[in-house]
N, C-alpha and C. Protein backbone atom coordinates (compact mmCIF):
# COMPACT_ATOMS: atom_id res chain seq x y z
N UNK A 1 0.84 -1.17 0.00
CA UNK A 1 0.00 0.00 0.00
C UNK A 1 0.89 1.24 0.00
N UNK A 2 0.57 2.21 -0.85
CA UNK A 2 1.32 3.45 -0.96
C UNK A 2 0.56 4.54 -0.22
N UNK A 3 1.24 5.21 0.68
CA UNK A 3 0.63 6.30 1.42
C UNK A 3 0.92 7.60 0.69
N UNK A 4 -0.12 8.37 0.38
CA UNK A 4 0.05 9.63 -0.33
C UNK A 4 0.27 10.74 0.68
N UNK A 5 1.32 11.54 0.44
CA UNK A 5 1.67 12.61 1.35
C UNK A 5 0.64 13.73 1.28
N UNK A 6 0.32 14.29 2.41
CA UNK A 6 -0.58 15.43 2.49
C UNK A 6 0.00 16.56 1.65
N UNK A 7 -0.82 17.15 0.78
CA UNK A 7 -0.35 18.18 -0.15
C UNK A 7 0.24 19.39 0.58
N UNK A 8 -0.21 19.70 1.79
CA UNK A 8 0.29 20.85 2.51
C UNK A 8 1.62 20.61 3.21
N UNK A 9 1.99 19.38 3.40
CA UNK A 9 3.18 19.04 4.17
C UNK A 9 4.49 19.56 3.58
N UNK A 10 4.76 19.44 2.27
CA UNK A 10 6.04 19.96 1.76
C UNK A 10 6.21 21.45 2.00
N UNK A 11 5.17 22.22 1.82
CA UNK A 11 5.26 23.66 2.06
C UNK A 11 5.42 23.95 3.56
N UNK A 12 4.81 23.12 4.39
CA UNK A 12 4.97 23.26 5.84
C UNK A 12 6.43 23.01 6.23
N UNK A 13 7.03 22.02 5.60
CA UNK A 13 8.43 21.71 5.87
C UNK A 13 9.33 22.87 5.45
N UNK A 14 9.04 23.48 4.30
CA UNK A 14 9.80 24.65 3.87
C UNK A 14 9.60 25.81 4.85
N UNK A 15 8.37 26.02 5.25
CA UNK A 15 8.08 27.11 6.19
C UNK A 15 8.86 26.93 7.50
N UNK A 16 8.92 25.70 7.97
CA UNK A 16 9.66 25.40 9.20
C UNK A 16 11.17 25.54 9.02
N UNK A 17 11.63 25.58 7.76
CA UNK A 17 13.07 25.69 7.48
C UNK A 17 13.51 27.13 7.26
N UNK A 18 12.59 28.10 7.29
CA UNK A 18 12.95 29.51 7.13
C UNK A 18 13.97 29.89 8.21
N UNK A 19 15.05 30.51 7.79
CA UNK A 19 16.10 30.92 8.71
C UNK A 19 17.15 29.86 8.97
N UNK A 20 16.91 28.65 8.48
CA UNK A 20 17.86 27.55 8.67
C UNK A 20 18.62 27.28 7.37
N UNK A 21 19.74 26.59 7.50
CA UNK A 21 20.52 26.25 6.32
C UNK A 21 19.91 25.04 5.62
N UNK A 22 19.76 25.16 4.28
CA UNK A 22 19.24 24.06 3.48
C UNK A 22 20.22 23.76 2.36
N UNK A 23 20.13 22.55 1.83
CA UNK A 23 20.92 22.16 0.68
C UNK A 23 19.95 21.97 -0.48
N UNK A 24 20.20 22.68 -1.58
CA UNK A 24 19.33 22.63 -2.76
C UNK A 24 20.10 21.99 -3.89
N UNK A 25 19.59 20.87 -4.41
CA UNK A 25 20.21 20.23 -5.56
C UNK A 25 19.51 20.74 -6.81
N UNK A 26 20.32 21.13 -7.80
CA UNK A 26 19.80 21.72 -9.03
C UNK A 26 20.08 20.84 -10.23
N UNK A 27 19.38 21.11 -11.31
CA UNK A 27 19.70 20.46 -12.57
C UNK A 27 21.12 20.84 -12.95
N UNK A 28 21.81 20.00 -13.70
CA UNK A 28 23.17 20.32 -14.14
C UNK A 28 24.24 19.95 -13.13
N UNK A 29 23.91 19.06 -12.20
CA UNK A 29 24.90 18.56 -11.24
C UNK A 29 25.50 19.66 -10.37
N UNK A 30 24.64 20.61 -9.94
CA UNK A 30 25.08 21.68 -9.05
C UNK A 30 24.24 21.65 -7.78
N UNK A 31 24.81 22.20 -6.72
CA UNK A 31 24.12 22.31 -5.45
C UNK A 31 24.35 23.71 -4.90
N UNK A 32 23.40 24.19 -4.14
CA UNK A 32 23.56 25.46 -3.43
C UNK A 32 23.18 25.22 -1.98
N UNK A 33 24.07 25.66 -1.10
CA UNK A 33 23.83 25.54 0.33
C UNK A 33 23.74 26.95 0.89
N UNK A 34 22.68 27.23 1.65
CA UNK A 34 22.54 28.55 2.22
C UNK A 34 21.36 28.62 3.17
N UNK A 35 21.19 29.78 3.80
CA UNK A 35 20.10 29.99 4.74
C UNK A 35 18.85 30.40 3.96
N UNK A 36 17.78 29.65 4.16
CA UNK A 36 16.52 29.90 3.45
C UNK A 36 15.85 31.15 4.01
N UNK A 37 15.64 32.15 3.17
CA UNK A 37 14.98 33.38 3.60
C UNK A 37 13.54 33.44 3.12
N UNK A 38 13.23 32.75 2.02
CA UNK A 38 11.86 32.77 1.53
C UNK A 38 11.68 31.84 0.35
N UNK A 39 10.41 31.64 -0.03
CA UNK A 39 10.06 30.76 -1.14
C UNK A 39 8.66 31.13 -1.61
N UNK A 40 8.26 30.61 -2.75
CA UNK A 40 6.88 30.79 -3.21
C UNK A 40 6.32 29.47 -3.70
N UNK A 41 5.09 29.50 -4.22
CA UNK A 41 4.42 28.27 -4.63
C UNK A 41 5.08 27.60 -5.83
N UNK A 42 5.95 28.32 -6.56
CA UNK A 42 6.66 27.75 -7.70
C UNK A 42 8.01 27.14 -7.30
N UNK A 43 8.30 27.17 -6.01
CA UNK A 43 9.56 26.69 -5.43
C UNK A 43 10.74 27.58 -5.80
N UNK A 44 10.46 28.84 -6.17
CA UNK A 44 11.53 29.83 -6.27
C UNK A 44 12.01 30.04 -4.84
N UNK A 45 13.33 30.05 -4.65
CA UNK A 45 13.90 30.13 -3.32
C UNK A 45 14.81 31.34 -3.19
N UNK A 46 14.81 31.97 -2.04
CA UNK A 46 15.74 33.05 -1.73
C UNK A 46 16.66 32.52 -0.64
N UNK A 47 17.97 32.50 -0.93
CA UNK A 47 18.97 32.02 0.02
C UNK A 47 19.97 33.13 0.30
N UNK A 48 20.44 33.19 1.55
CA UNK A 48 21.51 34.13 1.89
C UNK A 48 22.68 33.35 2.46
N UNK A 49 23.84 34.01 2.49
CA UNK A 49 25.08 33.35 2.92
C UNK A 49 25.24 32.02 2.19
N UNK A 50 25.06 32.06 0.88
CA UNK A 50 25.01 30.83 0.08
C UNK A 50 26.35 30.49 -0.56
N UNK A 51 26.50 29.22 -0.85
CA UNK A 51 27.65 28.70 -1.57
C UNK A 51 27.16 27.79 -2.68
N UNK A 52 27.70 27.99 -3.88
CA UNK A 52 27.39 27.12 -5.01
C UNK A 52 28.44 26.01 -5.05
N UNK A 53 27.99 24.78 -5.13
CA UNK A 53 28.88 23.63 -5.15
C UNK A 53 28.73 22.95 -6.51
N UNK A 54 29.79 23.01 -7.32
CA UNK A 54 29.79 22.37 -8.63
C UNK A 54 30.68 21.14 -8.57
N UNK A 55 30.26 20.09 -9.26
CA UNK A 55 31.03 18.85 -9.28
C UNK A 55 31.45 18.55 -10.71
N UNK A 56 32.75 18.44 -10.92
CA UNK A 56 33.28 18.10 -12.23
C UNK A 56 33.01 16.62 -12.48
N UNK A 57 32.22 16.28 -13.52
CA UNK A 57 31.87 14.86 -13.75
C UNK A 57 33.07 13.98 -14.12
N UNK A 58 34.12 14.58 -14.67
CA UNK A 58 35.28 13.79 -15.07
C UNK A 58 36.19 13.44 -13.90
N UNK A 59 36.35 14.39 -12.98
CA UNK A 59 37.29 14.17 -11.87
C UNK A 59 36.59 14.01 -10.52
N UNK A 60 35.27 14.25 -10.47
CA UNK A 60 34.47 14.23 -9.24
C UNK A 60 34.96 15.27 -8.23
N UNK A 61 35.69 16.27 -8.71
CA UNK A 61 36.21 17.32 -7.85
C UNK A 61 35.14 18.38 -7.62
N UNK A 62 34.99 18.80 -6.35
CA UNK A 62 34.01 19.83 -5.99
C UNK A 62 34.68 21.20 -6.02
N UNK A 63 33.94 22.18 -6.57
CA UNK A 63 34.36 23.57 -6.55
C UNK A 63 33.30 24.34 -5.78
N UNK A 64 33.70 25.08 -4.74
CA UNK A 64 32.77 25.84 -3.92
C UNK A 64 33.00 27.33 -4.18
N UNK A 65 31.90 28.02 -4.54
CA UNK A 65 31.95 29.45 -4.81
C UNK A 65 30.97 30.17 -3.90
N UNK A 66 31.45 31.15 -3.13
CA UNK A 66 30.56 31.92 -2.26
C UNK A 66 29.76 32.88 -3.14
N UNK A 67 28.41 32.85 -3.01
CA UNK A 67 27.56 33.71 -3.83
C UNK A 67 26.70 34.65 -3.00
N UNK A 68 26.90 34.69 -1.71
CA UNK A 68 26.15 35.57 -0.79
C UNK A 68 24.65 35.36 -0.92
N UNK A 69 23.94 36.31 -1.52
CA UNK A 69 22.48 36.20 -1.67
C UNK A 69 22.13 35.74 -3.08
N UNK A 70 21.17 34.84 -3.17
CA UNK A 70 20.81 34.29 -4.48
C UNK A 70 19.33 33.94 -4.52
N UNK A 71 18.74 34.12 -5.69
CA UNK A 71 17.37 33.67 -5.94
C UNK A 71 17.49 32.48 -6.89
N UNK A 72 16.93 31.35 -6.50
CA UNK A 72 16.99 30.14 -7.30
C UNK A 72 15.62 29.95 -7.94
N UNK A 73 15.58 29.87 -9.26
CA UNK A 73 14.32 29.66 -9.97
C UNK A 73 13.85 28.23 -9.73
N UNK A 74 12.59 28.08 -9.38
CA UNK A 74 12.03 26.78 -9.04
C UNK A 74 12.14 25.73 -10.12
N UNK A 75 12.17 26.14 -11.41
CA UNK A 75 12.30 25.19 -12.52
C UNK A 75 13.58 24.39 -12.45
N UNK A 76 14.61 24.94 -11.79
CA UNK A 76 15.91 24.28 -11.72
C UNK A 76 16.07 23.39 -10.50
N UNK A 77 15.14 23.47 -9.56
CA UNK A 77 15.26 22.74 -8.30
C UNK A 77 14.88 21.27 -8.49
N UNK A 78 15.75 20.38 -8.04
CA UNK A 78 15.47 18.95 -8.05
C UNK A 78 15.09 18.50 -6.65
N UNK A 79 15.89 18.90 -5.65
CA UNK A 79 15.65 18.50 -4.26
C UNK A 79 15.99 19.67 -3.34
N UNK A 80 15.17 19.86 -2.31
CA UNK A 80 15.50 20.77 -1.22
C UNK A 80 15.61 19.92 0.03
N UNK A 81 16.79 19.92 0.62
CA UNK A 81 17.02 19.13 1.82
C UNK A 81 17.01 20.04 3.03
N UNK A 82 16.01 19.89 3.89
CA UNK A 82 15.95 20.74 5.09
C UNK A 82 17.01 20.33 6.09
N UNK A 83 17.24 21.18 7.09
CA UNK A 83 18.24 20.83 8.10
C UNK A 83 17.82 19.60 8.89
N UNK A 84 18.77 18.86 9.43
CA UNK A 84 18.44 17.67 10.23
C UNK A 84 17.52 18.04 11.40
N UNK A 85 16.56 17.19 11.64
CA UNK A 85 15.65 17.40 12.76
C UNK A 85 14.42 18.23 12.42
N UNK A 86 14.41 18.90 11.28
CA UNK A 86 13.27 19.73 10.90
C UNK A 86 12.12 18.89 10.37
N UNK A 87 12.38 17.67 9.93
CA UNK A 87 11.33 16.85 9.34
C UNK A 87 10.49 16.13 10.40
N UNK A 88 10.94 16.12 11.64
CA UNK A 88 10.22 15.42 12.69
C UNK A 88 9.31 16.38 13.43
N UNK A 89 8.09 15.96 13.68
CA UNK A 89 7.17 16.78 14.43
C UNK A 89 7.50 16.69 15.91
N UNK A 90 7.34 17.80 16.61
CA UNK A 90 7.56 17.80 18.06
C UNK A 90 6.36 17.16 18.74
N UNK A 91 6.61 16.30 19.68
CA UNK A 91 5.53 15.67 20.45
C UNK A 91 5.27 16.51 21.69
N UNK A 92 4.01 16.82 21.89
CA UNK A 92 3.66 17.65 23.05
C UNK A 92 2.82 16.87 24.02
């Protein structure tokens, strides 16, 4: 049996990640790591204190470039990884 995720949950997870560092995997074998400042329904993301991580496919060597503030267009986003512990609900 396949459990279907509640449609509101992914956006809730993003909302809970505001102000925290996230890792965003993009098309073209690139990643951006930075503090999530905002997002919209198209998954356009605003990151600050960001670093672009490029991986050379021939040598598997990573190149890290500091990009400070960046807006990532949602069309390029493959995965947004929230900070550890943000995916678990607090039990009260």
